């Protein structure tokens, strides 16, 4: 992040604030007049040129004003992370909505998606809480045709995965049932890592099945489990960045239609975050090609070590970070409290 003087930082933050509201390039004269700066337009223009050279601003056209670049947004977000707070009246309204809702996870997810989309005017993304450590519960093996076997894998917490396996040689249903029974007795309640360490102590058929079920459990562990609750796509599509560019609008629609892509995006985004933590992903920097032209504010919620989920807001880079960041943080805290209370009362 570039080293800015106090004056450069002030000019950058005011310019981004104006651009977020108007979606129009900002000139030095407008900044001086709107924010009553005790500086001349020429001085502000020189500082804006310096900020452009640092990569914080860019100039769309020769005669136009400046607009924020990704690096500028990162400086702005760093400021918002520390200072942005949700007004008490909004906090009270949101908490009242949650505590009026039935004590049901699906109701909480739907409400969280609605609140986030309304407050941020972006697209909300919420995943249901799921076990942090995937554990085996039960397996069924069903002979289908030749070497093909249907594996039905049930994890603790109720998640069920089905897939067709191709074994090295045909196996009778009787042998498959015996192998499933032994595995159900041997690995019930174990994690992926513990099951992987058992393979060398089992028969060849069971070793093959363990290898395949470990792969399946790892895929489940790496994905954002459960349904993704979303709301507010029309909020994003109505923004100038998308309304004026059919390519960007098509990209946004495609992202939300391909749920596996969306799941993978949320899973990667939350991998290195902890419950209560919040991160802001801006543009496609750092390999986030899915987020070009966009930003995402994301947080994890739940009971650490037991069950967690992910929630966030996706919008244009010009999103209102001052409103979105504290909203995501507050709703994540509410959901964490509700999930912890539900576990305690079980």
Protein backbone atom coordinates (compact mmCIF):
# COMPACT_ATOMS: atom_id res chain seq x y z
CA UNK A 1 0.00 0.00 0.00
CA UNK A 2 1.49 3.39 -1.00
CA UNK A 3 2.66 5.88 1.60
CA UNK A 4 0.37 8.90 1.43
CA UNK A 5 0.66 12.31 3.04
CA UNK A 6 -2.25 13.36 5.23
CA UNK A 7 -3.43 15.76 2.50
CA UNK A 8 -3.26 13.08 -0.19
CA UNK A 9 -5.17 10.66 2.02
CA UNK A 10 -7.89 13.26 2.67
CA UNK A 11 -8.25 14.08 -1.02
CA UNK A 12 -8.36 10.38 -1.95
CA UNK A 13 -11.02 9.53 0.63
CA UNK A 14 -13.21 12.50 -0.34
CA UNK A 15 -12.89 11.69 -4.03
CA UNK A 16 -13.91 8.06 -3.47
CA UNK A 17 -16.82 9.16 -1.29
CA UNK A 18 -18.04 11.44 -4.09
CA UNK A 19 -17.54 8.79 -6.77
CA UNK A 20 -19.45 6.17 -4.78
CA UNK A 21 -22.43 8.52 -4.65
CA UNK A 22 -22.36 9.79 -8.25
CA UNK A 23 -20.55 7.18 -10.40
CA UNK A 24 -19.04 10.15 -12.27
CA UNK A 25 -15.35 11.11 -12.65
CA UNK A 26 -14.39 13.70 -10.03
CA UNK A 27 -12.54 16.91 -10.82
CA UNK A 28 -10.44 19.07 -8.49
CA UNK A 29 -12.85 22.01 -8.64
CA UNK A 30 -15.76 19.84 -7.57
CA UNK A 31 -13.81 18.48 -4.58
CA UNK A 32 -12.88 21.96 -3.40
CA UNK A 33 -16.43 23.28 -3.74
CA UNK A 34 -18.32 20.31 -2.40
CA UNK A 35 -16.15 19.66 0.65
CA UNK A 36 -15.11 23.29 1.27
CA UNK A 37 -11.42 22.44 1.12
CA UNK A 38 -8.99 25.15 2.18
CA UNK A 39 -6.95 24.41 -0.94
CA UNK A 40 -6.90 25.73 -4.49
CA UNK A 41 -8.17 23.54 -7.35
CA UNK A 42 -4.64 23.63 -8.79
CA UNK A 43 -3.16 22.20 -5.57
CA UNK A 44 -5.81 19.49 -5.46
CA UNK A 45 -5.20 18.73 -9.13
CA UNK A 46 -1.46 18.27 -8.46
CA UNK A 47 -2.18 15.89 -5.58
CA UNK A 48 -4.63 13.96 -7.77
CA UNK A 49 -1.88 13.60 -10.38
CA UNK A 50 0.46 12.24 -7.71
CA UNK A 51 -2.22 9.80 -6.54
CA UNK A 52 -2.68 8.66 -10.13
CA UNK A 53 1.05 7.96 -10.45
CA UNK A 54 0.87 5.93 -7.21
CA UNK A 55 -1.90 3.77 -8.70
CA UNK A 56 -4.65 5.03 -6.36
CA UNK A 57 -6.57 6.90 -9.06
CA UNK A 58 -6.99 6.64 -12.80
CA UNK A 59 -8.12 9.05 -15.49
CA UNK A 60 -10.69 7.51 -17.88
CA UNK A 61 -10.31 10.30 -20.46
CA UNK A 62 -7.80 13.08 -20.99
CA UNK A 63 -10.23 15.86 -20.16
CA UNK A 64 -12.19 14.00 -17.48
CA UNK A 65 -11.70 13.95 -13.75
CA UNK A 66 -10.32 11.00 -11.82
CA UNK A 67 -11.96 7.78 -10.63
CA UNK A 68 -10.66 5.39 -7.96
CA UNK A 69 -8.38 2.50 -8.91
CA UNK A 70 -8.32 -0.77 -6.97
CA UNK A 71 -5.39 0.42 -4.84
CA UNK A 72 -7.31 3.56 -3.92
CA UNK A 73 -10.29 1.50 -2.83
CA UNK A 74 -8.01 -0.56 -0.61
CA UNK A 75 -6.83 2.58 1.17
CA UNK A 76 -10.46 3.67 1.55
CA UNK A 77 -11.54 0.26 2.88
CA UNK A 78 -8.68 0.26 5.40
CA UNK A 79 -10.15 3.47 6.78
CA UNK A 80 -13.71 2.09 6.81
CA UNK A 81 -12.71 -1.13 8.57
CA UNK A 82 -11.69 0.89 11.60
CA UNK A 83 -14.33 3.63 11.62
CA UNK A 84 -17.54 2.38 10.00
CA UNK A 85 -20.32 1.70 12.50
CA UNK A 86 -23.94 0.77 12.02
CA UNK A 87 -26.28 3.36 13.59
CA UNK A 88 -27.97 2.16 16.78
CA UNK A 89 -31.39 2.60 15.20
CA UNK A 90 -30.46 0.25 12.34
CA UNK A 91 -28.95 -2.28 14.76
CA UNK A 92 -32.16 -2.27 16.80
CA UNK A 93 -34.31 -2.71 13.70
CA UNK A 94 -32.26 -5.66 12.43
CA UNK A 95 -32.07 -7.42 15.81
CA UNK A 96 -35.83 -6.98 16.26
CA UNK A 97 -36.43 -8.67 12.89
CA UNK A 98 -34.28 -11.65 13.87
CA UNK A 99 -35.74 -12.14 17.30
CA UNK A 100 -39.26 -11.94 15.85
CA UNK A 101 -38.41 -14.75 13.41
CA UNK A 102 -39.15 -18.41 14.30
CA UNK A 103 -36.16 -20.34 15.75
CA UNK A 104 -35.44 -22.04 12.44
CA UNK A 105 -32.15 -22.05 10.50
CA UNK A 106 -33.81 -21.66 7.11
CA UNK A 107 -35.79 -18.66 8.38
CA UNK A 108 -32.58 -17.09 9.73
CA UNK A 109 -30.77 -17.61 6.40
CA UNK A 110 -33.62 -16.13 4.38
CA UNK A 111 -33.89 -13.14 6.70
CA UNK A 112 -30.12 -12.57 6.71
CA UNK A 113 -30.07 -12.54 2.89
CA UNK A 114 -32.95 -10.06 2.82
CA UNK A 115 -31.44 -7.72 5.42
CA UNK A 116 -27.98 -7.70 3.80
CA UNK A 117 -29.36 -7.00 0.31
CA UNK A 118 -31.63 -4.22 1.57
CA UNK A 119 -29.05 -2.47 3.73
CA UNK A 120 -26.15 -2.71 1.27
CA UNK A 121 -28.06 -2.43 -2.02
CA UNK A 122 -25.82 -5.23 -3.26
CA UNK A 123 -26.23 -8.97 -3.71
CA UNK A 124 -26.33 -10.93 -0.47
CA UNK A 125 -24.72 -14.37 -0.10
CA UNK A 126 -25.47 -16.56 2.92
CA UNK A 127 -24.63 -20.23 3.52
CA UNK A 128 -26.28 -22.34 6.19
CA UNK A 129 -24.08 -23.35 9.16
CA UNK A 130 -22.28 -26.65 8.63
CA UNK A 131 -19.87 -28.81 10.61
CA UNK A 132 -16.29 -27.49 10.52
CA UNK A 133 -14.92 -31.03 10.69
CA UNK A 134 -16.62 -33.50 8.34
CA UNK A 135 -17.16 -36.86 10.06
CA UNK A 136 -18.29 -40.19 8.67
CA UNK A 137 -21.61 -41.66 9.77
CA UNK A 138 -22.73 -44.37 7.35
CA UNK A 139 -22.04 -45.86 3.94
CA UNK A 140 -24.05 -48.03 1.58
CA UNK A 141 -22.61 -49.82 -1.45
CA UNK A 142 -25.03 -50.94 -4.17
CA UNK A 143 -24.00 -52.99 -7.18
CA UNK A 144 -25.35 -51.48 -10.39
CA UNK A 145 -23.67 -52.90 -13.51
CA UNK A 146 -20.39 -54.72 -14.05
CA UNK A 147 -17.68 -52.95 -12.06
CA UNK A 148 -19.88 -49.97 -11.26
CA UNK A 149 -21.10 -49.41 -7.69
CA UNK A 150 -23.33 -46.70 -6.26
CA UNK A 151 -21.81 -45.32 -3.05
CA UNK A 152 -24.20 -43.51 -0.71
CA UNK A 153 -22.16 -41.64 1.92
CA UNK A 154 -23.83 -40.07 4.95
CA UNK A 155 -21.91 -37.58 7.11
CA UNK A 156 -22.68 -36.57 10.68
CA UNK A 157 -25.06 -33.66 10.48
CA UNK A 158 -27.16 -35.35 7.81
CA UNK A 159 -25.37 -34.43 4.58
CA UNK A 160 -25.68 -37.17 1.96
CA UNK A 161 -23.42 -37.64 -1.09
CA UNK A 162 -24.00 -40.16 -3.86
CA UNK A 163 -21.62 -41.14 -6.62
CA UNK A 164 -21.02 -44.03 -8.98
CA UNK A 165 -17.67 -45.77 -8.45
CA UNK A 166 -15.80 -47.97 -10.91
CA UNK A 167 -13.94 -50.74 -9.10
CA UNK A 168 -10.93 -52.67 -10.38
CA UNK A 169 -13.05 -55.82 -10.86
CA UNK A 170 -16.73 -56.84 -10.55
CA UNK A 171 -17.86 -57.49 -6.95
CA UNK A 172 -21.04 -59.22 -5.79
CA UNK A 173 -23.66 -57.39 -3.76
CA UNK A 174 -23.00 -59.74 -0.84
CA UNK A 175 -19.32 -58.73 -0.70
CA UNK A 176 -20.24 -55.07 -1.06
CA UNK A 177 -22.72 -55.30 1.82
CA UNK A 178 -20.14 -57.07 4.00
CA UNK A 179 -17.52 -54.41 3.20
CA UNK A 180 -20.01 -51.61 3.98
CA UNK A 181 -20.90 -53.24 7.30
CA UNK A 182 -17.23 -53.53 8.30
CA UNK A 183 -16.54 -49.94 7.33
CA UNK A 184 -19.60 -48.67 9.21
CA UNK A 185 -18.29 -50.40 12.31
CA UNK A 186 -14.67 -49.38 11.80
CA UNK A 187 -14.86 -45.68 10.84
CA UNK A 188 -18.10 -44.38 12.37
CA UNK A 189 -17.57 -40.86 13.76
CA UNK A 190 -14.05 -40.49 12.35
CA UNK A 191 -12.68 -37.48 10.47
CA UNK A 192 -11.19 -37.60 6.96
CA UNK A 193 -7.63 -37.67 8.31
CA UNK A 194 -8.35 -40.51 10.73
CA UNK A 195 -10.05 -42.59 8.02
CA UNK A 196 -7.16 -42.08 5.58
CA UNK A 197 -4.75 -43.55 8.15
CA UNK A 198 -6.79 -46.77 8.36
CA UNK A 199 -6.53 -47.85 4.75
CA UNK A 200 -3.39 -49.94 5.22
CA UNK A 201 -5.12 -52.03 7.92
CA UNK A 202 -8.06 -53.20 5.77
CA UNK A 203 -8.68 -55.63 2.91
CA UNK A 204 -8.06 -54.61 -0.70
CA UNK A 205 -11.74 -53.92 -1.50
CA UNK A 206 -12.15 -51.87 1.66
CA UNK A 207 -8.93 -49.98 0.91
CA UNK A 208 -10.33 -49.01 -2.50
CA UNK A 209 -13.61 -47.87 -0.96
CA UNK A 210 -11.82 -45.89 1.77
CA UNK A 211 -9.68 -44.10 -0.85
CA UNK A 212 -12.81 -43.08 -2.75
CA UNK A 213 -14.84 -42.03 0.30
CA UNK A 214 -11.91 -39.98 1.63
CA UNK A 215 -11.79 -38.13 -1.69
CA UNK A 216 -15.54 -37.52 -1.47
CA UNK A 217 -15.35 -36.29 2.13
CA UNK A 218 -12.46 -33.94 1.26
CA UNK A 219 -14.50 -32.41 -1.57
CA UNK A 220 -17.38 -31.89 0.84
CA UNK A 221 -15.08 -30.35 3.45
CA UNK A 222 -13.57 -27.92 0.92
CA UNK A 223 -16.92 -26.70 -0.39
CA UNK A 224 -19.33 -24.30 1.29
CA UNK A 225 -21.88 -26.80 2.51
CA UNK A 226 -25.57 -26.45 2.04
CA UNK A 227 -27.77 -24.12 0.08
CA UNK A 228 -26.66 -20.61 -0.78
CA UNK A 229 -29.28 -18.00 0.01
CA UNK A 230 -29.02 -14.95 -2.24
CA UNK A 231 -31.03 -11.82 -2.81
CA UNK A 232 -30.61 -8.49 -4.58
CA UNK A 233 -29.14 -9.39 -7.98
CA UNK A 234 -31.27 -6.65 -9.53
CA UNK A 235 -29.50 -4.17 -7.23
CA UNK A 236 -26.20 -4.87 -8.96
CA UNK A 237 -27.61 -5.10 -12.48
CA UNK A 238 -29.12 -1.62 -12.09
CA UNK A 239 -25.73 -0.05 -11.31
CA UNK A 240 -24.09 1.95 -14.14
CA UNK A 241 -21.08 -0.38 -14.25
CA UNK A 242 -23.37 -3.23 -15.28
CA UNK A 243 -26.24 -1.42 -16.96
CA UNK A 244 -23.86 0.19 -19.45
CA UNK A 245 -21.92 -3.00 -20.20
CA UNK A 246 -23.84 -6.02 -21.39
CA UNK A 247 -20.71 -8.17 -20.99
CA UNK A 248 -20.48 -7.36 -17.27
CA UNK A 249 -24.23 -7.94 -16.83
CA UNK A 250 -23.95 -11.34 -18.52
CA UNK A 251 -20.97 -12.20 -16.33
CA UNK A 252 -22.92 -11.33 -13.16
CA UNK A 253 -25.89 -13.44 -14.26
CA UNK A 254 -23.59 -16.37 -15.11
CA UNK A 255 -21.87 -16.24 -11.72
CA UNK A 256 -25.16 -16.56 -9.88
CA UNK A 257 -26.58 -19.20 -12.19
CA UNK A 258 -23.55 -21.48 -11.72
CA UNK A 259 -23.97 -22.35 -8.05
CA UNK A 260 -20.88 -24.58 -8.02
CA UNK A 261 -18.76 -21.56 -9.00
CA UNK A 262 -20.42 -19.47 -6.31
CA UNK A 263 -19.84 -22.22 -3.73
CA UNK A 264 -16.19 -22.46 -4.68
CA UNK A 265 -15.79 -18.69 -4.47
CA UNK A 266 -17.28 -18.56 -0.96
CA UNK A 267 -15.25 -21.57 0.18
CA UNK A 268 -11.96 -20.03 -1.01
CA UNK A 269 -12.84 -16.63 0.43
CA UNK A 270 -13.56 -18.03 3.89
CA UNK A 271 -10.71 -20.56 4.07
CA UNK A 272 -8.29 -18.29 5.92
CA UNK A 273 -10.84 -16.35 7.96
CA UNK A 274 -12.03 -17.09 11.49
CA UNK A 275 -15.45 -16.65 13.08
CA UNK A 276 -15.93 -12.96 13.81
CA UNK A 277 -13.35 -11.93 11.23
CA UNK A 278 -14.21 -9.89 8.16
CA UNK A 279 -12.42 -9.44 4.86
CA UNK A 280 -12.94 -7.30 1.78
CA UNK A 281 -11.97 -8.63 -1.65
CA UNK A 282 -11.59 -5.90 -4.27
CA UNK A 283 -11.51 -6.61 -8.00
CA UNK A 284 -9.69 -9.53 -9.56
CA UNK A 285 -6.36 -8.92 -7.82
CA UNK A 286 -4.80 -11.92 -6.12
CA UNK A 287 -6.27 -14.44 -8.53
CA UNK A 288 -9.93 -13.58 -7.92
CA UNK A 289 -10.85 -13.48 -11.60
CA UNK A 290 -14.51 -14.08 -10.66
CA UNK A 291 -14.57 -10.67 -8.95
CA UNK A 292 -13.37 -8.46 -11.79
CA UNK A 293 -15.21 -5.15 -11.63
CA UNK A 294 -16.62 -6.19 -8.23
CA UNK A 295 -15.89 -6.21 -4.53
CA UNK A 296 -17.05 -8.64 -1.88
CA UNK A 297 -17.36 -8.08 1.86
CA UNK A 298 -17.42 -11.45 3.58
CA UNK A 299 -17.49 -12.83 7.14
CA UNK A 300 -17.80 -16.17 8.90
CA UNK A 301 -20.27 -16.80 11.68
CA UNK A 302 -21.18 -19.65 13.99
CA UNK A 303 -19.66 -21.63 16.84
CA UNK A 304 -15.87 -22.02 16.34
CA UNK A 305 -14.80 -25.65 16.13
CA UNK A 306 -18.39 -26.87 15.77
CA UNK A 307 -20.50 -25.32 13.03
CA UNK A 308 -19.85 -22.26 10.88
CA UNK A 309 -21.32 -20.53 7.86
CA UNK A 310 -20.40 -17.68 5.57
CA UNK A 311 -22.22 -14.50 4.69
CA UNK A 312 -21.38 -11.47 2.63
CA UNK A 313 -22.31 -8.90 0.05
CA UNK A 314 -21.14 -8.68 -3.54
CA UNK A 315 -21.41 -5.45 -5.51
CA UNK A 316 -19.50 -3.12 -7.81
CA UNK A 317 -16.16 -1.78 -6.60
CA UNK A 318 -18.09 1.45 -6.12
CA UNK A 319 -20.23 -0.14 -3.38
CA UNK A 320 -20.95 1.78 -0.19
CA UNK A 321 -18.28 0.23 2.05
CA UNK A 322 -19.21 2.54 4.92
CA UNK A 323 -22.65 0.94 5.02
CA UNK A 324 -21.84 -2.59 3.87
CA UNK A 325 -18.89 -3.37 6.17
CA UNK A 326 -20.68 -2.69 9.48
CA UNK A 327 -23.87 -4.39 8.22
CA UNK A 328 -22.04 -7.61 7.34
CA UNK A 329 -20.16 -7.50 10.66
CA UNK A 330 -23.35 -6.93 12.68
CA UNK A 331 -25.46 -9.62 10.94
CA UNK A 332 -22.58 -12.12 11.31
CA UNK A 333 -22.52 -11.41 15.05
CA UNK A 334 -26.28 -11.88 15.33
CA UNK A 335 -26.17 -15.21 13.50
CA UNK A 336 -23.25 -16.37 15.67
CA UNK A 337 -25.31 -15.65 18.79
CA UNK A 338 -28.34 -17.48 17.40
CA UNK A 339 -26.30 -20.53 16.35
CA UNK A 340 -24.53 -20.70 19.72
CA UNK A 341 -27.84 -20.39 21.59
CA UNK A 342 -29.39 -23.17 19.49
CA UNK A 343 -26.44 -25.49 20.26
CA UNK A 344 -26.58 -24.69 23.97
CA UNK A 345 -30.30 -25.40 24.12
CA UNK A 346 -30.13 -28.73 22.31
